[in-house]
Amino acid sequence: MKNVIIGIHGLKNKPNKDILENWWKKSIIDGLKNIGRHNIEFEFELVYWADLEYAKPLDLEISDSKDPLFIQHPYTSICRPEVSEKESRVKKKILDTIEEGLDKLILQEKKISGIEKIVDSTIRRMFTDLDIYYHGFCKVDKNHIAKHTFRSRLLEVLQKYQHDRIMLIGHSMGSIISYDTLFENVFELKVDTFVTVGSPLGFPLIIKKILMEQKLEINVNAKPPTPDNIMTSWYNFSDLDDKITFNYDLADDYLPNLHSIKPVDVIINNTYEYNGQKNPHKVYGYLQNEAVANIIDGFLAKPTSLIARFLKMVRL
């Protein structure tokens, strides 16, 4: 048994898989360096689904910022200053108020309300990948239902490492695909540690869709369960300026699983910045954060064999 990190990316078009996988791994290495952990070897694989939605990947060779294949926010290890604690408290209060209001509006009944139609329409306009995931077929391969095809990409990689200890990191829409895949295959898969970064899993409309798929009652107090195949921990990292995660507190939205595991919410500052442009939703900034790095380091430090466990006990 070995420790393996699996990542799955989020919304919108991406560079090709090799480049994106390399950038994710570099960001994880940057994060480990930020906590003083250098030259750490680990196995990492990225689950890539952008090719199901986009015929051509983003291209490093394109310098015209108006070209749809131009990369606006590439990997970088340059960070910006942290946000003050006082500013964070004010933002949390505002976001909590918004969440409470949306919960009452969207989760009040099974029948779609007027406000939900507006929200659904907004998702359709702004987040076409997410809309297709819930309602359509893959754009590139129109013969395959998007929801099933996206999940099968992740399922294939999870099955590949089913005899190893797995940390699954889902960014943005990747966290939704991860949750759904784990729940759908709860008796087949096991994940040691689930990490969500920049996740919209707390958004009331997403929760409602999860409840509907699981055939659970829908009301203001309804909460989906944490998948039972998450064996050790579920950490949810959010930046309060990340618009995708304004419902940042998943611990209030998901019930514990059979192992008494539920989301542990951690507010961080995603300090990603490129050419003066901040992007608090970018995965590279999340992975470089010290709090995320500490969780990854703790996972990688777990003994990977009976011999390693014995040696650790002897040292103690």
Protein backbone atom coordinates (compact mmCIF):
# COMPACT_ATOMS: atom_id res chain seq x y z
CA MET A 1 0.00 0.00 0.00
CA LYS A 2 1.23 3.48 -0.89
CA ASN A 3 -0.08 6.99 -0.34
CA VAL A 4 -1.54 8.51 -3.51
CA ILE A 5 -2.95 12.00 -4.14
CA ILE A 6 -5.65 12.26 -6.80
CA GLY A 7 -6.88 15.64 -8.00
CA ILE A 8 -9.84 16.61 -10.18
CA HIS A 9 -10.06 20.05 -11.74
CA GLY A 10 -12.93 22.51 -11.87
CA LEU A 11 -14.91 24.68 -14.25
CA LYS A 12 -13.98 26.02 -17.69
CA ASN A 13 -11.38 25.10 -20.27
CA LYS A 14 -7.86 24.11 -19.19
CA PRO A 15 -4.40 23.53 -20.66
CA ASN A 16 -3.78 19.95 -21.77
CA LYS A 17 -3.66 17.25 -19.11
CA ASP A 18 0.14 16.98 -18.91
CA ILE A 19 0.59 20.70 -18.32
CA LEU A 20 -2.27 20.99 -15.83
CA GLU A 21 -1.17 17.90 -13.92
CA ASN A 22 2.36 19.32 -13.71
CA TRP A 23 1.06 22.68 -12.44
CA TRP A 24 -1.05 21.02 -9.75
CA LYS A 25 1.93 18.97 -8.58
CA LYS A 26 4.21 22.04 -8.60
CA SER A 27 1.66 23.90 -6.48
CA ILE A 28 1.51 21.03 -3.96
CA ILE A 29 5.33 21.05 -3.81
CA ASP A 30 5.27 24.85 -3.30
CA GLY A 31 2.85 24.41 -0.41
CA LEU A 32 5.05 21.78 1.22
CA LYS A 33 8.06 24.07 0.84
CA ASN A 34 6.08 26.86 2.52
CA ILE A 35 5.88 24.71 5.65
CA GLY A 36 9.54 23.72 5.48
CA ARG A 37 9.06 20.33 3.82
CA HIS A 38 11.50 19.99 0.93
CA ASN A 39 12.21 17.20 -1.54
CA ILE A 40 9.08 15.23 -0.60
CA GLU A 41 8.37 12.44 -3.08
CA PHE A 42 4.73 11.54 -3.71
CA GLU A 43 2.54 9.99 -6.37
CA PHE A 44 -0.02 12.30 -7.96
CA GLU A 45 -2.54 11.84 -10.74
CA LEU A 46 -4.99 14.40 -12.12
CA VAL A 47 -8.45 13.44 -13.32
CA TYR A 48 -8.98 15.49 -16.46
CA TRP A 49 -12.39 16.09 -18.04
CA ALA A 50 -12.01 19.44 -19.89
CA ASP A 51 -11.57 17.56 -23.19
CA LEU A 52 -15.16 16.32 -22.87
CA GLU A 53 -16.38 19.92 -23.03
CA TYR A 54 -13.77 21.74 -25.13
CA ALA A 55 -12.43 20.61 -28.50
CA LYS A 56 -9.08 22.36 -27.97
CA PRO A 57 -7.20 23.01 -24.70
CA LEU A 58 -5.84 26.39 -23.62
CA ASP A 59 -2.50 27.00 -25.29
CA LEU A 60 0.73 28.37 -23.76
CA GLU A 61 1.90 29.50 -27.19
CA ILE A 62 -0.98 31.95 -27.63
CA SER A 63 -0.11 35.49 -26.53
CA ASP A 64 -3.26 37.29 -27.69
CA SER A 65 -5.37 37.81 -24.56
CA LYS A 66 -8.52 38.02 -26.70
CA ASP A 67 -8.01 34.54 -28.11
CA PRO A 68 -10.37 32.06 -26.35
CA LEU A 69 -7.44 29.66 -25.92
CA PHE A 70 -5.24 32.24 -24.16
CA ILE A 71 -4.23 31.25 -20.61
CA GLN A 72 -5.14 34.17 -18.35
CA HIS A 73 -4.17 32.59 -15.04
CA PRO A 74 -1.27 30.14 -15.44
CA TYR A 75 0.63 28.47 -12.62
CA THR A 76 2.73 30.81 -10.52
CA SER A 77 4.23 30.58 -7.06
CA ILE A 78 4.07 34.35 -6.50
CA CYS A 79 1.68 35.28 -3.70
CA ARG A 80 0.05 38.50 -2.49
CA PRO A 81 -0.30 39.74 1.12
CA GLU A 82 -2.68 38.07 3.58
CA VAL A 83 -6.14 39.51 4.44
CA SER A 84 -6.64 40.96 7.93
CA GLU A 85 -8.59 39.00 10.56
CA LYS A 86 -10.99 41.91 11.07
CA GLU A 87 -11.83 42.03 7.37
CA SER A 88 -12.45 38.27 7.39
CA ARG A 89 -14.93 38.52 10.28
CA VAL A 90 -16.98 41.14 8.44
CA LYS A 91 -17.05 39.05 5.25
CA LYS A 92 -18.14 35.93 7.16
CA LYS A 93 -21.07 37.80 8.72
CA ILE A 94 -22.25 39.04 5.32
CA LEU A 95 -21.91 35.61 3.71
CA ASP A 96 -23.70 33.89 6.58
CA THR A 97 -26.67 36.23 6.15
CA ILE A 98 -26.84 35.58 2.41
CA GLU A 99 -26.63 31.80 2.93
CA GLU A 100 -29.44 31.80 5.50
CA GLY A 101 -31.70 33.67 3.12
CA LEU A 102 -30.97 31.43 0.13
CA ASP A 103 -31.48 28.28 2.20
CA LYS A 104 -35.00 29.44 3.11
CA LEU A 105 -35.84 30.37 -0.47
CA ILE A 106 -34.41 27.37 -2.34
CA LEU A 107 -34.78 24.50 0.14
CA GLN A 108 -38.34 25.29 1.16
CA GLU A 109 -40.04 22.72 -1.09
CA LYS A 110 -39.53 20.18 -3.85
CA LYS A 111 -41.29 22.28 -6.43
CA ILE A 112 -38.98 24.78 -8.10
CA SER A 113 -39.71 28.26 -6.80
CA GLY A 114 -39.34 31.48 -8.73
CA ILE A 115 -36.02 32.32 -7.10
CA GLU A 116 -34.66 28.88 -7.94
CA LYS A 117 -35.54 29.40 -11.60
CA ILE A 118 -33.53 32.61 -11.53
CA VAL A 119 -30.57 30.88 -9.86
CA ASP A 120 -30.79 27.94 -12.29
CA SER A 121 -30.84 30.37 -15.21
CA THR A 122 -27.80 32.18 -13.78
CA ILE A 123 -25.88 28.91 -13.52
CA ARG A 124 -26.85 28.10 -17.10
CA ARG A 125 -25.45 31.42 -18.35
CA MET A 126 -22.35 31.72 -16.21
CA PHE A 127 -21.33 28.10 -15.57
CA THR A 128 -22.12 26.15 -18.70
CA ASP A 129 -20.01 23.16 -17.59
CA LEU A 130 -22.06 22.81 -14.41
CA ASP A 131 -25.33 23.19 -16.31
CA ILE A 132 -24.30 20.50 -18.79
CA TYR A 133 -23.23 18.23 -15.92
CA TYR A 134 -26.73 18.35 -14.47
CA HIS A 135 -28.83 18.55 -17.62
CA GLY A 136 -27.02 17.55 -20.80
CA PHE A 137 -24.60 15.62 -22.94
CA CYS A 138 -20.86 16.19 -23.35
CA LYS A 139 -20.19 18.96 -25.85
CA VAL A 140 -17.36 17.13 -27.65
CA ASP A 141 -18.84 13.63 -27.54
CA LYS A 142 -22.55 14.31 -27.79
CA ASN A 143 -23.47 10.63 -27.44
CA HIS A 144 -22.51 10.51 -23.76
CA ILE A 145 -24.45 11.93 -20.82
CA ALA A 146 -22.12 14.41 -19.14
CA LYS A 147 -22.91 13.49 -15.53
CA HIS A 148 -22.10 9.80 -16.05
CA THR A 149 -19.05 10.42 -18.23
CA PHE A 150 -17.45 12.94 -15.84
CA ARG A 151 -17.94 10.56 -12.93
CA SER A 152 -16.57 7.60 -14.87
CA ARG A 153 -13.30 9.48 -15.45
CA LEU A 154 -12.84 9.84 -11.70
CA LEU A 155 -14.10 6.34 -10.95
CA GLU A 156 -11.52 4.81 -13.29
CA VAL A 157 -8.62 6.51 -11.47
CA LEU A 158 -10.00 5.71 -8.01
CA GLN A 159 -10.32 2.05 -9.00
CA LYS A 160 -6.75 2.08 -10.29
CA TYR A 161 -5.52 2.89 -6.76
CA GLN A 162 -8.19 1.01 -4.81
CA HIS A 163 -5.57 -0.96 -2.86
CA ASP A 164 -3.66 2.18 -1.87
CA ARG A 165 -4.36 4.96 0.62
CA ILE A 166 -5.98 7.82 -1.30
CA MET A 167 -6.26 11.56 -0.74
CA LEU A 168 -8.82 12.97 -3.16
CA ILE A 169 -8.65 16.73 -3.84
CA GLY A 170 -11.62 18.23 -5.66
CA HIS A 171 -11.44 21.83 -6.87
CA SER A 172 -14.58 23.82 -7.69
CA MET A 173 -16.89 21.68 -9.85
CA GLY A 174 -14.44 18.83 -9.32
CA SER A 175 -15.64 18.68 -5.71
CA ILE A 176 -19.22 18.09 -6.91
CA ILE A 177 -18.10 15.33 -9.27
CA SER A 178 -16.05 13.84 -6.41
CA TYR A 179 -18.91 13.86 -3.90
CA ASP A 180 -21.36 12.35 -6.38
CA THR A 181 -18.90 9.67 -7.50
CA LEU A 182 -18.09 8.64 -3.93
CA PHE A 183 -21.75 8.46 -2.94
CA GLU A 184 -22.70 6.54 -6.07
CA ASN A 185 -19.94 3.96 -5.47
CA VAL A 186 -19.98 3.93 -1.69
CA PHE A 187 -19.64 0.14 -1.37
CA GLU A 188 -16.84 -0.13 -3.93
CA LEU A 189 -14.46 2.75 -3.17
CA LYS A 190 -12.54 3.92 -0.12
CA VAL A 191 -10.88 7.32 0.26
CA ASP A 192 -8.75 8.04 3.31
CA THR A 193 -8.91 11.84 3.09
CA PHE A 194 -11.26 14.01 1.05
CA VAL A 195 -10.17 17.61 0.45
CA THR A 196 -12.42 20.19 -1.20
CA VAL A 197 -11.01 23.56 -2.28
CA GLY A 198 -13.02 26.40 -3.79
CA SER A 199 -16.10 24.18 -3.54
CA PRO A 200 -19.72 25.14 -4.35
CA LEU A 201 -21.06 22.11 -2.41
CA GLY A 202 -22.64 24.45 0.15
CA PHE A 203 -24.71 26.33 -2.42
CA PRO A 204 -28.42 25.64 -1.69
CA LEU A 205 -29.29 24.75 -5.30
CA ILE A 206 -26.41 22.22 -5.41
CA ILE A 207 -27.59 20.74 -2.10
CA LYS A 208 -31.12 20.50 -3.50
CA LYS A 209 -29.89 18.65 -6.59
CA ILE A 210 -27.94 16.23 -4.37
CA LEU A 211 -31.01 15.61 -2.19
CA MET A 212 -33.14 15.01 -5.28
CA GLU A 213 -30.67 12.51 -6.76
CA GLN A 214 -30.48 10.66 -3.43
CA LYS A 215 -34.31 10.73 -3.19
CA LEU A 216 -34.20 12.47 0.18
CA GLU A 217 -36.77 14.87 1.62
CA ILE A 218 -36.21 18.51 0.69
CA ASN A 219 -36.74 21.21 3.28
CA VAL A 220 -34.80 23.95 5.04
CA ASN A 221 -33.35 21.48 7.55
CA ALA A 222 -32.50 18.73 5.04
CA LYS A 223 -28.84 17.71 4.86
CA PRO A 224 -27.14 15.19 2.56
CA PRO A 225 -24.88 12.63 4.23
CA THR A 226 -21.11 12.52 4.06
CA PRO A 227 -20.29 9.46 1.90
CA ASP A 228 -19.51 6.43 4.04
CA ASN A 229 -16.41 5.59 1.99
CA ILE A 230 -14.56 8.65 3.35
CA MET A 231 -12.61 6.84 6.05
CA THR A 232 -10.56 9.44 7.97
CA SER A 233 -11.28 13.11 7.17
CA TRP A 234 -13.06 15.62 4.97
CA TYR A 235 -11.41 19.06 4.92
CA ASN A 236 -13.08 21.96 3.13
CA PHE A 237 -10.92 25.02 2.35
CA SER A 238 -12.46 28.33 1.28
CA ASP A 239 -11.38 31.90 0.66
CA LEU A 240 -14.07 34.42 1.64
CA ASP A 241 -13.38 36.37 -1.56
CA ASP A 242 -13.92 33.25 -3.69
CA LYS A 243 -17.36 33.81 -5.25
CA ILE A 244 -17.82 30.09 -5.90
CA THR A 245 -17.57 29.34 -2.16
CA PHE A 246 -19.73 32.04 -0.58
CA ASN A 247 -21.53 29.13 1.20
CA TYR A 248 -18.23 28.23 2.79
CA ASP A 249 -19.39 26.30 5.87
CA LEU A 250 -20.12 22.76 4.66
CA ALA A 251 -20.12 21.45 8.26
CA ASP A 252 -23.61 22.97 8.65
CA ASP A 253 -24.85 21.38 5.42
CA TYR A 254 -23.70 17.72 5.53
CA LEU A 255 -24.45 14.98 8.07
CA PRO A 256 -21.71 12.73 9.49
CA ASN A 257 -21.12 9.35 7.88
CA LEU A 258 -20.93 5.96 9.62
CA HIS A 259 -17.40 6.81 10.81
CA SER A 260 -18.59 10.10 12.39
CA ILE A 261 -16.81 12.06 9.64
CA LYS A 262 -18.24 15.28 8.28
CA PRO A 263 -16.68 18.36 6.67
CA VAL A 264 -14.16 20.36 8.67
CA ASP A 265 -14.26 23.93 7.34
CA VAL A 266 -11.06 25.96 7.15
CA ILE A 267 -11.05 29.60 6.01
CA ILE A 268 -7.81 30.54 4.26
CA ASN A 269 -6.42 33.33 2.12
CA ASN A 270 -5.89 32.21 -1.45
CA THR A 271 -3.01 34.51 -2.39
CA TYR A 272 -2.83 33.67 -6.10
CA GLU A 273 -1.97 36.66 -8.26
CA TYR A 274 -0.67 36.90 -11.83
CA ASN A 275 0.33 40.12 -13.63
CA GLY A 276 -1.44 42.14 -10.95
CA GLN A 277 -4.66 40.13 -11.27
CA LYS A 278 -5.95 38.42 -8.13
CA ASN A 279 -7.93 35.22 -8.42
CA PRO A 280 -8.99 33.82 -5.02
CA HIS A 281 -10.64 30.84 -6.73
CA LYS A 282 -7.48 29.58 -8.47
CA VAL A 283 -6.45 26.08 -7.47
CA TYR A 284 -2.72 26.92 -7.42
CA GLY A 285 -3.24 29.41 -4.58
CA TYR A 286 -5.27 26.89 -2.60
CA LEU A 287 -2.65 24.15 -2.97
CA GLN A 288 0.19 26.52 -2.01
CA ASN A 289 -1.54 27.58 1.20
CA GLU A 290 0.14 26.44 4.42
CA ALA A 291 -3.06 25.06 5.98
CA VAL A 292 -3.70 22.87 2.93
CA ALA A 293 -0.03 21.86 2.83
CA ASN A 294 -0.15 20.73 6.47
CA ILE A 295 -3.06 18.39 5.70
CA ILE A 296 -1.23 17.00 2.65
CA ASP A 297 1.98 16.58 4.65
CA GLY A 298 0.12 14.73 7.40
CA PHE A 299 -1.41 12.39 4.85
CA LEU A 300 1.91 11.68 3.13
CA ALA A 301 3.54 10.99 6.51
CA LYS A 302 1.17 8.10 7.24
CA PRO A 303 2.91 4.67 7.29
CA THR A 304 2.31 2.82 4.03
CA SER A 305 3.03 -0.74 5.14
CA LEU A 306 2.94 -3.02 8.17
CA ILE A 307 6.73 -2.81 8.40
CA ALA A 308 6.61 1.00 8.39
CA ARG A 309 3.96 0.96 11.09
CA PHE A 310 6.08 -1.39 13.21
CA LEU A 311 9.19 0.77 12.79
CA LYS A 312 7.22 3.85 13.76
CA MET A 313 5.98 2.10 16.91
CA VAL A 314 9.55 1.06 17.77
CA ARG A 315 10.77 4.63 17.40
CA LEU A 316 8.05 5.81 19.75
